[in-house]
Structure formats: structure tokens, C-alpha cells
PDB file of all heavy atoms in Angstrom:
ATOM      1  N   ARG A   1      97.514 177.882  74.380  1.00  0.00           N
ATOM      2  CA  ARG A   1      96.735 178.664  75.347  1.00  0.00           C
ATOM      3  C   ARG A   1      97.242 180.107  75.397  1.00  0.00           C
ATOM      4  O   ARG A   1      96.448 181.048  75.471  1.00  0.00           O
ATOM      5  CB  ARG A   1      96.834 178.029  76.736  1.00  0.00           C
ATOM      6  CG  ARG A   1      96.313 176.598  76.805  1.00  0.00           C
ATOM      7  CD  ARG A   1      96.496 176.006  78.199  1.00  0.00           C
ATOM      8  NE  ARG A   1      96.222 174.575  78.210  1.00  0.00           N
ATOM      9  CZ  ARG A   1      96.311 173.798  79.286  1.00  0.00           C
ATOM     10  NH1 ARG A   1      96.673 174.338  80.445  1.00  0.00           N
ATOM     11  NH2 ARG A   1      96.043 172.511  79.210  1.00  0.00           N
ATOM     12  N   ALA A   2      98.573 180.258  75.344  1.00  0.00           N
ATOM     13  CA  ALA A   2      99.157 181.594  75.434  1.00  0.00           C
ATOM     14  C   ALA A   2      98.783 182.441  74.225  1.00  0.00           C
ATOM     15  O   ALA A   2      98.295 183.575  74.370  1.00  0.00           O
ATOM     16  CB  ALA A   2     100.673 181.485  75.564  1.00  0.00           C
ATOM     17  N   THR A   3      99.008 181.938  73.029  1.00  0.00           N
ATOM     18  CA  THR A   3      98.749 182.755  71.836  1.00  0.00           C
ATOM     19  C   THR A   3      97.257 183.022  71.656  1.00  0.00           C
ATOM     20  O   THR A   3      96.875 184.103  71.191  1.00  0.00           O
ATOM     21  CB  THR A   3      99.333 182.089  70.581  1.00  0.00           C
ATOM     22  OG1 THR A   3      98.887 180.728  70.493  1.00  0.00           O
ATOM     23  CG2 THR A   3     100.861 182.118  70.621  1.00  0.00           C
ATOM     24  N   TYR A   4      96.406 182.077  72.029  1.00  0.00           N
ATOM     25  CA  TYR A   4      94.960 182.332  72.005  1.00  0.00           C
ATOM     26  C   TYR A   4      94.599 183.435  73.005  1.00  0.00           C
ATOM     27  O   TYR A   4      93.777 184.307  72.721  1.00  0.00           O
ATOM     28  CB  TYR A   4      94.185 181.054  72.333  1.00  0.00           C
ATOM     29  CG  TYR A   4      93.801 180.224  71.138  1.00  0.00           C
ATOM     30  CD1 TYR A   4      94.707 179.937  70.123  1.00  0.00           C
ATOM     31  CD2 TYR A   4      92.524 179.689  71.015  1.00  0.00           C
ATOM     32  CE1 TYR A   4      94.352 179.159  69.038  1.00  0.00           C
ATOM     33  CE2 TYR A   4      92.151 178.915  69.931  1.00  0.00           C
ATOM     34  CZ  TYR A   4      93.077 178.650  68.944  1.00  0.00           C
ATOM     35  OH  TYR A   4      92.722 177.880  67.869  1.00  0.00           O
ATOM     36  N   LEU A   5      95.221 183.384  74.186  1.00  0.00           N
ATOM     37  CA  LEU A   5      94.977 184.419  75.195  1.00  0.00           C
ATOM     38  C   LEU A   5      95.406 185.783  74.669  1.00  0.00           C
ATOM     39  O   LEU A   5      94.649 186.763  74.758  1.00  0.00           O
ATOM     40  CB  LEU A   5      95.732 184.082  76.477  1.00  0.00           C
ATOM     41  CG  LEU A   5      95.796 185.189  77.545  1.00  0.00           C
ATOM     42  CD1 LEU A   5      94.401 185.506  78.082  1.00  0.00           C
ATOM     43  CD2 LEU A   5      96.737 184.784  78.680  1.00  0.00           C
ATOM     44  N   TYR A   6      96.607 185.857  74.117  1.00  0.00           N
ATOM     45  CA  TYR A   6      97.120 187.141  73.646  1.00  0.00           C
ATOM     46  C   TYR A   6      96.273 187.675  72.491  1.00  0.00           C
ATOM     47  O   TYR A   6      96.037 188.892  72.402  1.00  0.00           O
ATOM     48  CB  TYR A   6      98.583 187.008  73.223  1.00  0.00           C
ATOM     49  CG  TYR A   6      99.484 186.390  74.276  1.00  0.00           C
ATOM     50  CD1 TYR A   6     100.594 185.635  73.920  1.00  0.00           C
ATOM     51  CD2 TYR A   6      99.218 186.532  75.634  1.00  0.00           C
ATOM     52  CE1 TYR A   6     101.421 185.057  74.875  1.00  0.00           C
ATOM     53  CE2 TYR A   6     100.035 185.960  76.598  1.00  0.00           C
ATOM     54  CZ  TYR A   6     101.133 185.212  76.211  1.00  0.00           C
ATOM     55  OH  TYR A   6     101.947 184.631  77.158  1.00  0.00           O
ATOM     56  N   ALA A   7      95.807 186.771  71.624  1.00  0.00           N
ATOM     57  CA  ALA A   7      94.933 187.211  70.523  1.00  0.00           C
ATOM     58  C   ALA A   7      93.624 187.767  71.067  1.00  0.00           C
ATOM     59  O   ALA A   7      93.131 188.808  70.599  1.00  0.00           O
ATOM     60  CB  ALA A   7      94.669 186.043  69.572  1.00  0.00           C
ATOM     61  N   GLY A   8      93.055 187.082  72.051  1.00  0.00           N
ATOM     62  CA  GLY A   8      91.799 187.550  72.627  1.00  0.00           C
ATOM     63  C   GLY A   8      91.943 188.875  73.349  1.00  0.00           C
ATOM     64  O   GLY A   8      91.076 189.753  73.255  1.00  0.00           O
ATOM     65  N   ILE A   9      93.055 189.044  74.071  1.00  0.00           N
ATOM     66  CA  ILE A   9      93.294 190.303  74.777  1.00  0.00           C
ATOM     67  C   ILE A   9      93.500 191.443  73.774  1.00  0.00           C
ATOM     68  O   ILE A   9      93.005 192.564  73.967  1.00  0.00           O
ATOM     69  CB  ILE A   9      94.519 190.183  75.703  1.00  0.00           C
ATOM     70  CG1 ILE A   9      94.289 189.118  76.781  1.00  0.00           C
ATOM     71  CG2 ILE A   9      94.835 191.522  76.346  1.00  0.00           C
ATOM     72  CD1 ILE A   9      93.312 189.488  77.853  1.00  0.00           C
ATOM     73  N   ALA A  10      94.222 191.168  72.683  1.00  0.00           N
ATOM     74  CA  ALA A  10      94.405 192.192  71.646  1.00  0.00           C
ATOM     75  C   ALA A  10      93.066 192.583  71.041  1.00  0.00           C
ATOM     76  O   ALA A  10      92.817 193.765  70.754  1.00  0.00           O
ATOM     77  CB  ALA A  10      95.357 191.679  70.566  1.00  0.00           C
ATOM     78  N   ASP A  11      92.195 191.597  70.838  1.00  0.00           N
ATOM     79  CA  ASP A  11      90.851 191.864  70.328  1.00  0.00           C
ATOM     80  C   ASP A  11      90.068 192.748  71.295  1.00  0.00           C
ATOM     81  O   ASP A  11      89.369 193.677  70.883  1.00  0.00           O
ATOM     82  CB  ASP A  11      90.119 190.534  70.139  1.00  0.00           C
ATOM     83  CG  ASP A  11      89.488 190.410  68.761  1.00  0.00           C
ATOM     84  OD1 ASP A  11      89.605 191.351  67.949  1.00  0.00           O
ATOM     85  OD2 ASP A  11      88.870 189.370  68.489  1.00  0.00           O
ATOM     86  N   LEU A  12      90.196 192.449  72.590  1.00  0.00           N
ATOM     87  CA  LEU A  12      89.489 193.247  73.595  1.00  0.00           C
ATOM     88  C   LEU A  12      90.051 194.664  73.652  1.00  0.00           C
ATOM     89  O   LEU A  12      89.280 195.639  73.760  1.00  0.00           O
ATOM     90  CB  LEU A  12      89.600 192.573  74.964  1.00  0.00           C
ATOM     91  CG  LEU A  12      88.858 193.258  76.113  1.00  0.00           C
ATOM     92  CD1 LEU A  12      87.360 193.346  75.829  1.00  0.00           C
ATOM     93  CD2 LEU A  12      89.108 192.521  77.431  1.00  0.00           C
ATOM     94  N   TYR A  13      91.372 194.795  73.579  1.00  0.00           N
ATOM     95  CA  TYR A  13      91.965 196.132  73.579  1.00  0.00           C
ATOM     96  C   TYR A  13      91.414 196.978  72.434  1.00  0.00           C
ATOM     97  O   TYR A  13      91.164 198.181  72.592  1.00  0.00           O
ATOM     98  CB  TYR A  13      93.490 196.051  73.464  1.00  0.00           C
ATOM     99  CG  TYR A  13      94.104 197.395  73.151  1.00  0.00           C
ATOM    100  CD1 TYR A  13      94.281 198.352  74.147  1.00  0.00           C
ATOM    101  CD2 TYR A  13      94.458 197.729  71.833  1.00  0.00           C
ATOM    102  CE1 TYR A  13      94.804 199.605  73.855  1.00  0.00           C
ATOM    103  CE2 TYR A  13      94.977 198.983  71.534  1.00  0.00           C
ATOM    104  CZ  TYR A  13      95.144 199.908  72.548  1.00  0.00           C
ATOM    105  OH  TYR A  13      95.646 201.152  72.243  1.00  0.00           O
ATOM    106  N   ALA A  14      91.218 196.366  71.270  1.00  0.00           N
ATOM    107  CA  ALA A  14      90.730 197.104  70.106  1.00  0.00           C
ATOM    108  C   ALA A  14      89.342 197.693  70.335  1.00  0.00           C
ATOM    109  O   ALA A  14      88.953 198.639  69.655  1.00  0.00           O
ATOM    110  CB  ALA A  14      90.714 196.195  68.884  1.00  0.00           C
ATOM    111  N   GLU A  15      88.602 197.148  71.292  1.00  0.00           N
ATOM    112  CA  GLU A  15      87.269 197.676  71.605  1.00  0.00           C
ATOM    113  C   GLU A  15      87.265 198.606  72.809  1.00  0.00           C
ATOM    114  O   GLU A  15      86.396 199.466  72.927  1.00  0.00           O
ATOM    115  CB  GLU A  15      86.290 196.518  71.845  1.00  0.00           C
ATOM    116  CG  GLU A  15      86.082 195.609  70.642  1.00  0.00           C
ATOM    117  CD  GLU A  15      85.457 196.338  69.464  1.00  0.00           C
ATOM    118  OE1 GLU A  15      84.802 197.383  69.662  1.00  0.00           O
ATOM    119  OE2 GLU A  15      85.640 195.872  68.318  1.00  0.00           O
ATOM    120  N   THR A  16      88.229 198.428  73.707  1.00  0.00           N
ATOM    121  CA  THR A  16      88.191 199.187  74.967  1.00  0.00           C
ATOM    122  C   THR A  16      89.276 200.256  75.068  1.00  0.00           C
ATOM    123  O   THR A  16      89.116 201.236  75.801  1.00  0.00           O
ATOM    124  CB  THR A  16      88.350 198.242  76.171  1.00  0.00           C
ATOM    125  OG1 THR A  16      89.661 197.655  76.145  1.00  0.00           O
ATOM    126  CG2 THR A  16      87.288 197.151  76.138  1.00  0.00           C
ATOM    127  N   GLY A  17      90.397 200.055  74.381  1.00  0.00           N
ATOM    128  CA  GLY A  17      91.508 200.993  74.518  1.00  0.00           C
ATOM    129  C   GLY A  17      92.173 200.959  75.880  1.00  0.00           C
ATOM    130  O   GLY A  17      92.812 201.939  76.286  1.00  0.00           O
ATOM    131  N   ASP A  18      92.063 199.826  76.582  1.00  0.00           N
ATOM    132  CA  ASP A  18      92.648 199.700  77.909  1.00  0.00           C
ATOM    133  C   ASP A  18      94.176 199.634  77.784  1.00  0.00           C
ATOM    134  O   ASP A  18      94.741 198.609  77.387  1.00  0.00           O
ATOM    135  CB  ASP A  18      92.109 198.435  78.581  1.00  0.00           C
ATOM    136  CG  ASP A  18      92.548 198.298  80.025  1.00  0.00           C
ATOM    137  OD1 ASP A  18      93.599 198.860  80.396  1.00  0.00           O
ATOM    138  OD2 ASP A  18      91.852 197.601  80.796  1.00  0.00           O
ATOM    139  N   ASP A  19      94.847 200.711  78.143  1.00  0.00           N
ATOM    140  CA  ASP A  19      96.295 200.798  77.951  1.00  0.00           C
ATOM    141  C   ASP A  19      97.061 199.770  78.774  1.00  0.00           C
ATOM    142  O   ASP A  19      98.164 199.360  78.387  1.00  0.00           O
ATOM    143  CB  ASP A  19      96.789 202.203  78.304  1.00  0.00           C
ATOM    144  CG  ASP A  19      96.374 203.240  77.271  1.00  0.00           C
ATOM    145  OD1 ASP A  19      96.110 202.846  76.122  1.00  0.00           O
ATOM    146  OD2 ASP A  19      96.295 204.438  77.621  1.00  0.00           O
ATOM    147  N   ALA A  20      96.510 199.353  79.902  1.00  0.00           N
ATOM    148  CA  ALA A  20      97.194 198.352  80.726  1.00  0.00           C
ATOM    149  C   ALA A  20      97.281 197.028  79.977  1.00  0.00           C
ATOM    150  O   ALA A  20      98.291 196.316  80.062  1.00  0.00           O
ATOM    151  CB  ALA A  20      96.461 198.175  82.056  1.00  0.00           C
ATOM    152  N   LEU A  21      96.221 196.680  79.242  1.00  0.00           N
ATOM    153  CA  LEU A  21      96.245 195.456  78.442  1.00  0.00           C
ATOM    154  C   LEU A  21      97.295 195.564  77.344  1.00  0.00           C
ATOM    155  O   LEU A  21      98.079 194.640  77.110  1.00  0.00           O
ATOM    156  CB  LEU A  21      94.871 195.188  77.828  1.00  0.00           C
ATOM    157  CG  LEU A  21      93.711 194.919  78.787  1.00  0.00           C
ATOM    158  CD1 LEU A  21      92.420 194.711  78.007  1.00  0.00           C
ATOM    159  CD2 LEU A  21      93.998 193.712  79.681  1.00  0.00           C
ATOM    160  N   TRP A  22      97.313 196.703  76.649  1.00  0.00           N
ATOM    161  CA  TRP A  22      98.252 196.865  75.538  1.00  0.00           C
ATOM    162  C   TRP A  22      99.693 196.865  76.025  1.00  0.00           C
ATOM    163  O   TRP A  22     100.588 196.335  75.350  1.00  0.00           O
ATOM    164  CB  TRP A  22      97.961 198.148  74.771  1.00  0.00           C
ATOM    165  CG  TRP A  22      98.802 198.264  73.530  1.00  0.00           C
ATOM    166  CD1 TRP A  22      99.914 199.022  73.355  1.00  0.00           C
ATOM    167  CD2 TRP A  22      98.599 197.569  72.303  1.00  0.00           C
ATOM    168  NE1 TRP A  22     100.419 198.854  72.089  1.00  0.00           N
ATOM    169  CE2 TRP A  22      99.621 197.966  71.418  1.00  0.00           C
ATOM    170  CE3 TRP A  22      97.629 196.660  71.861  1.00  0.00           C
ATOM    171  CZ2 TRP A  22      99.717 197.475  70.113  1.00  0.00           C
ATOM    172  CZ3 TRP A  22      97.729 196.175  70.560  1.00  0.00           C
ATOM    173  CH2 TRP A  22      98.757 196.578  69.707  1.00  0.00           C
ATOM    174  N   SER A  23      99.936 197.440  77.179  1.00  0.00           N
ATOM    175  CA  SER A  23     101.289 197.480  77.726  1.00  0.00           C
ATOM    176  C   SER A  23     101.834 196.072  77.917  1.00  0.00           C
ATOM    177  O   SER A  23     102.973 195.773  77.532  1.00  0.00           O
ATOM    178  CB  SER A  23     101.293 198.242  79.054  1.00  0.00           C
ATOM    179  OG  SER A  23     102.586 198.233  79.631  1.00  0.00           O
ATOM    180  N   SER A  24     101.014 195.194  78.500  1.00  0.00           N
ATOM    181  CA  SER A  24     101.467 193.810  78.682  1.00  0.00           C
ATOM    182  C   SER A  24     101.598 193.093  77.349  1.00  0.00           C
ATOM    183  O   SER A  24     102.552 192.340  77.130  1.00  0.00           O
ATOM    184  CB  SER A  24     100.497 193.054  79.595  1.00  0.00           C
ATOM    185  OG  SER A  24     100.669 193.446  80.946  1.00  0.00           O
ATOM    186  N   LEU A  25     100.646 193.306  76.454  1.00  0.00           N
ATOM    187  CA  LEU A  25     100.714 192.667  75.140  1.00  0.00           C
ATOM    188  C   LEU A  25     102.001 193.031  74.418  1.00  0.00           C
ATOM    189  O   LEU A  25     102.658 192.163  73.829  1.00  0.00           O
ATOM    190  CB  LEU A  25      99.518 193.086  74.283  1.00  0.00           C
ATOM    191  CG  LEU A  25      98.184 192.409  74.563  1.00  0.00           C
ATOM    192  CD1 LEU A  25      97.080 193.102  73.777  1.00  0.00           C
ATOM    193  CD2 LEU A  25      98.238 190.925  74.204  1.00  0.00           C
ATOM    194  N   GLU A  26     102.361 194.302  74.438  1.00  0.00           N
ATOM    195  CA  GLU A  26     103.552 194.744  73.722  1.00  0.00           C
ATOM    196  C   GLU A  26     104.815 194.149  74.344  1.00  0.00           C
ATOM    197  O   GLU A  26     105.726 193.718  73.626  1.00  0.00           O
ATOM    198  CB  GLU A  26     103.623 196.274  73.729  1.00  0.00           C
ATOM    199  CG  GLU A  26     104.824 196.854  73.011  1.00  0.00           C
ATOM    200  CD  GLU A  26     104.880 196.521  71.529  1.00  0.00           C
ATOM    201  OE1 GLU A  26     103.813 196.251  70.924  1.00  0.00           O
ATOM    202  OE2 GLU A  26     105.996 196.535  70.958  1.00  0.00           O
ATOM    203  N   LYS A  27     104.868 194.084  75.663  1.00  0.00           N
ATOM    204  CA  LYS A  27     106.037 193.493  76.323  1.00  0.00           C
ATOM    205  C   LYS A  27     106.147 192.004  76.006  1.00  0.00           C
ATOM    206  O   LYS A  27     107.243 191.489  75.748  1.00  0.00           O
ATOM    207  CB  LYS A  27     105.951 193.711  77.834  1.00  0.00           C
ATOM    208  CG  LYS A  27     106.123 195.165  78.253  1.00  0.00           C
ATOM    209  CD  LYS A  27     105.812 195.353  79.731  1.00  0.00           C
ATOM    210  CE  LYS A  27     105.872 196.831  80.119  1.00  0.00           C
ATOM    211  NZ  LYS A  27     105.431 197.055  81.517  1.00  0.00           N
ATOM    212  N   ILE A  28     105.024 191.315  76.038  1.00  0.00           N
ATOM    213  CA  ILE A  28     105.029 189.881  75.741  1.00  0.00           C
ATOM    214  C   ILE A  28     105.413 189.659  74.281  1.00  0.00           C
ATOM    215  O   ILE A  28     106.173 188.737  73.959  1.00  0.00           O
ATOM    216  CB  ILE A  28     103.660 189.264  76.061  1.00  0.00           C
ATOM    217  CG1 ILE A  28     103.396 189.313  77.576  1.00  0.00           C
ATOM    218  CG2 ILE A  28     103.580 187.823  75.565  1.00  0.00           C
ATOM    219  CD1 ILE A  28     101.964 188.987  77.964  1.00  0.00           C
ATOM    220  N   TRP A  29     104.896 190.506  73.386  1.00  0.00           N
ATOM    221  CA  TRP A  29     105.233 190.376  71.969  1.00  0.00           C
ATOM    222  C   TRP A  29     106.730 190.536  71.749  1.00  0.00           C
ATOM    223  O   TRP A  29     107.356 189.755  71.020  1.00  0.00           O
ATOM    224  CB  TRP A  29     104.456 191.419  71.151  1.00  0.00           C
ATOM    225  CG  TRP A  29     104.593 191.248  69.668  1.00  0.00           C
ATOM    226  CD1 TRP A  29     103.817 190.492  68.848  1.00  0.00           C
ATOM    227  CD2 TRP A  29     105.597 191.844  68.823  1.00  0.00           C
ATOM    228  NE1 TRP A  29     104.262 190.578  67.548  1.00  0.00           N
ATOM    229  CE2 TRP A  29     105.352 191.404  67.506  1.00  0.00           C
ATOM    230  CE3 TRP A  29     106.664 192.711  69.061  1.00  0.00           C
ATOM    231  CZ2 TRP A  29     106.142 191.797  66.427  1.00  0.00           C
ATOM    232  CZ3 TRP A  29     107.463 193.102  67.982  1.00  0.00           C
ATOM    233  CH2 TRP A  29     107.196 192.643  66.695  1.00  0.00           C
ATOM    234  N   GLN A  30     107.307 191.544  72.368  1.00  0.00           N
ATOM    235  CA  GLN A  30     108.749 191.753  72.245  1.00  0.00           C
ATOM    236  C   GLN A  30     109.512 190.535  72.769  1.00  0.00           C
ATOM    237  O   GLN A  30     110.518 190.109  72.173  1.00  0.00           O
ATOM    238  CB  GLN A  30     109.172 193.009  73.018  1.00  0.00           C
ATOM    239  CG  GLN A  30     108.633 194.316  72.472  1.00  0.00           C
ATOM    240  CD  GLN A  30     109.292 194.734  71.167  1.00  0.00           C
ATOM    241  OE1 GLN A  30     110.365 194.233  70.811  1.00  0.00           O
ATOM    242  NE2 GLN A  30     108.646 195.635  70.437  1.00  0.00           N
ATOM    243  N   ASN A  31     109.044 189.965  73.860  1.00  0.00           N
ATOM    244  CA  ASN A  31     109.695 188.797  74.439  1.00  0.00           C
ATOM    245  C   ASN A  31     109.636 187.602  73.489  1.00  0.00           C
ATOM    246  O   ASN A  31     110.634 186.900  73.282  1.00  0.00           O
ATOM    247  CB  ASN A  31     109.035 188.451  75.775  1.00  0.00           C
ATOM    248  CG  ASN A  31     109.563 187.167  76.379  1.00  0.00           C
ATOM    249  OD1 ASN A  31     108.834 186.193  76.494  1.00  0.00           O
ATOM    250  ND2 ASN A  31     110.824 187.151  76.770  1.00  0.00           N
ATOM    251  N   VAL A  32     108.476 187.376  72.886  1.00  0.00           N
ATOM    252  CA  VAL A  32     108.332 186.250  71.965  1.00  0.00           C
ATOM    253  C   VAL A  32     109.217 186.446  70.740  1.00  0.00           C
ATOM    254  O   VAL A  32     110.007 185.568  70.362  1.00  0.00           O
ATOM    255  CB  VAL A  32     106.856 186.072  71.542  1.00  0.00           C
ATOM    256  CG1 VAL A  32     106.744 185.090  70.379  1.00  0.00           C
ATOM    257  CG2 VAL A  32     106.018 185.587  72.715  1.00  0.00           C
ATOM    258  N   VAL A  33     109.088 187.583  70.085  1.00  0.00           N
ATOM    259  CA  VAL A  33     109.757 187.795  68.800  1.00  0.00           C
ATOM    260  C   VAL A  33     111.272 187.861  68.956  1.00  0.00           C
ATOM    261  O   VAL A  33     112.012 187.384  68.086  1.00  0.00           O
ATOM    262  CB  VAL A  33     109.214 189.076  68.133  1.00  0.00           C
ATOM    263  CG1 VAL A  33     110.030 189.443  66.901  1.00  0.00           C
ATOM    264  CG2 VAL A  33     107.747 188.878  67.751  1.00  0.00           C
ATOM    265  N   HIS A  34     111.753 188.390  70.058  1.00  0.00           N
ATOM    266  CA  HIS A  34     113.188 188.607  70.201  1.00  0.00           C
ATOM    267  C   HIS A  34     113.889 187.575  71.078  1.00  0.00           C
ATOM    268  O   HIS A  34     115.121 187.535  71.104  1.00  0.00           O
ATOM    269  CB  HIS A  34     113.455 190.006  70.752  1.00  0.00           C
ATOM    270  CG  HIS A  34     112.972 191.087  69.844  1.00  0.00           C
ATOM    271  ND1 HIS A  34     113.430 191.242  68.555  1.00  0.00           N
ATOM    272  CD2 HIS A  34     112.045 192.062  70.015  1.00  0.00           C
ATOM    273  CE1 HIS A  34     112.821 192.263  67.980  1.00  0.00           C
ATOM    274  NE2 HIS A  34     111.980 192.776  68.843  1.00  0.00           N
ATOM    275  N   GLN A  35     113.106 186.717  71.766  1.00  0.00           N
ATOM    276  CA  GLN A  35     113.765 185.774  72.660  1.00  0.00           C
ATOM    277  C   GLN A  35     113.169 184.362  72.651  1.00  0.00           C
ATOM    278  O   GLN A  35     113.829 183.441  73.142  1.00  0.00           O
ATOM    279  CB  GLN A  35     113.726 186.319  74.104  1.00  0.00           C
ATOM    280  CG  GLN A  35     114.545 187.604  74.260  1.00  0.00           C
ATOM    281  CD  GLN A  35     114.335 188.262  75.612  1.00  0.00           C
ATOM    282  OE1 GLN A  35     113.213 188.532  76.027  1.00  0.00           O
ATOM    283  NE2 GLN A  35     115.424 188.539  76.309  1.00  0.00           N
ATOM    284  N   LYS A  36     111.983 184.163  72.085  1.00  0.00           N
ATOM    285  CA  LYS A  36     111.353 182.842  72.231  1.00  0.00           C
ATOM    286  C   LYS A  36     110.751 182.270  70.950  1.00  0.00           C
ATOM    287  O   LYS A  36     110.241 181.150  70.986  1.00  0.00           O
ATOM    288  CB  LYS A  36     110.263 182.904  73.311  1.00  0.00           C
ATOM    289  CG  LYS A  36     110.823 183.165  74.706  1.00  0.00           C
ATOM    290  CD  LYS A  36     109.788 182.997  75.797  1.00  0.00           C
ATOM    291  CE  LYS A  36     110.414 183.181  77.168  1.00  0.00           C
ATOM    292  NZ  LYS A  36     109.450 182.978  78.277  1.00  0.00           N
ATOM    293  N   MET A  37     110.795 182.979  69.856  1.00  0.00           N
ATOM    294  CA  MET A  37     110.175 182.500  68.624  1.00  0.00           C
ATOM    295  C   MET A  37     111.219 181.873  67.709  1.00  0.00           C
ATOM    296  O   MET A  37     112.328 182.377  67.577  1.00  0.00           O
ATOM    297  CB  MET A  37     109.473 183.658  67.899  1.00  0.00           C
ATOM    298  CG  MET A  37     108.672 183.232  66.682  1.00  0.00           C
ATOM    299  SD  MET A  37     107.799 184.639  65.923  1.00  0.00           S
ATOM    300  CE  MET A  37     109.188 185.487  65.127  1.00  0.00           C
ATOM    301  N   TYR A  38     110.824 180.789  67.063  1.00  0.00           N
ATOM    302  CA  TYR A  38     111.713 180.141  66.109  1.00  0.00           C
ATOM    303  C   TYR A  38     111.816 180.959  64.823  1.00  0.00           C
ATOM    304  O   TYR A  38     110.946 181.777  64.508  1.00  0.00           O
ATOM    305  CB  TYR A  38     111.217 178.731  65.804  1.00  0.00           C
ATOM    306  CG  TYR A  38     111.580 177.738  66.880  1.00  0.00           C
ATOM    307  CD1 TYR A  38     110.764 177.549  67.988  1.00  0.00           C
ATOM    308  CD2 TYR A  38     112.751 176.990  66.799  1.00  0.00           C
ATOM    309  CE1 TYR A  38     111.094 176.643  68.981  1.00  0.00           C
ATOM    310  CE2 TYR A  38     113.102 176.071  67.782  1.00  0.00           C
ATOM    311  CZ  TYR A  38     112.272 175.906  68.878  1.00  0.00           C
ATOM    312  OH  TYR A  38     112.619 175.007  69.857  1.00  0.00           O
ATOM    313  N   ILE A  39     112.854 180.714  64.061  1.00  0.00           N
ATOM    314  CA  ILE A  39     113.070 181.423  62.806  1.00  0.00           C
ATOM    315  C   ILE A  39     111.942 181.154  61.815  1.00  0.00           C
ATOM    316  O   ILE A  39     111.722 181.923  60.880  1.00  0.00           O
ATOM    317  CB  ILE A  39     114.438 181.031  62.199  1.00  0.00           C
ATOM    318  CG1 ILE A  39     114.824 181.988  61.070  1.00  0.00           C
ATOM    319  CG2 ILE A  39     114.433 179.572  61.737  1.00  0.00           C
ATOM    320  CD1 ILE A  39     116.237 181.794  60.556  1.00  0.00           C
ATOM    321  N   THR A  40     111.184 180.089  62.026  1.00  0.00           N
ATOM    322  CA  THR A  40     110.032 179.745  61.194  1.00  0.00           C
ATOM    323  C   THR A  40     108.741 180.425  61.641  1.00  0.00           C
ATOM    324  O   THR A  40     107.699 180.234  61.020  1.00  0.00           O
ATOM    325  CB  THR A  40     109.801 178.232  61.233  1.00  0.00           C
ATOM    326  OG1 THR A  40     109.578 177.842  62.607  1.00  0.00           O
ATOM    327  CG2 THR A  40     110.980 177.462  60.666  1.00  0.00           C
ATOM    328  N   GLY A  41     108.792 181.194  62.731  1.00  0.00           N
ATOM    329  CA  GLY A  41     107.574 181.748  63.321  1.00  0.00           C
ATOM    330  C   GLY A  41     106.901 180.786  64.267  1.00  0.00           C
ATOM    331  O   GLY A  41     105.808 181.067  64.769  1.00  0.00           O
ATOM    332  N   GLY A  42     107.544 179.631  64.517  1.00  0.00           N
ATOM    333  CA  GLY A  42     106.978 178.639  65.428  1.00  0.00           C
ATOM    334  C   GLY A  42     107.049 179.080  66.874  1.00  0.00           C
ATOM    335  O   GLY A  42     107.947 179.825  67.278  1.00  0.00           O
ATOM    336  N   CYS A  43     106.098 178.590  67.676  1.00  0.00           N
ATOM    337  CA  CYS A  43     106.004 178.952  69.098  1.00  0.00           C
ATOM    338  C   CYS A  43     105.849 177.696  69.949  1.00  0.00           C
ATOM    339  O   CYS A  43     105.048 176.824  69.634  1.00  0.00           O
ATOM    340  CB  CYS A  43     104.802 179.868  69.342  1.00  0.00           C
ATOM    341  SG  CYS A  43     104.961 181.515  68.648  1.00  0.00           S
TER     342      CYS A  43
END
């Protein structure tokens, strides 16, 4: 549910340029990649 949500929000940002959406996406991405993602890319 989370990764589908983030993918959909990123898709919406690409059409709207809503910086508030991108700000959260970037923070969540940093959190996943640096603190919650497996070495295999698993989630």
C-alpha cells in the first residue's frame, strides 16, 4: 500500500509540480533507502 501510494503521488507531482507532495516524497524516500530497505531492495 505504501509503495503504491508513493508511486501514485510521484506520478501526480509530475503533472502538478506540487512542492508539498515532493517534499514528503523525498523525505520518505530518504527514510526507506537509508533506514528501512533491505540490501536486496526489498521493502
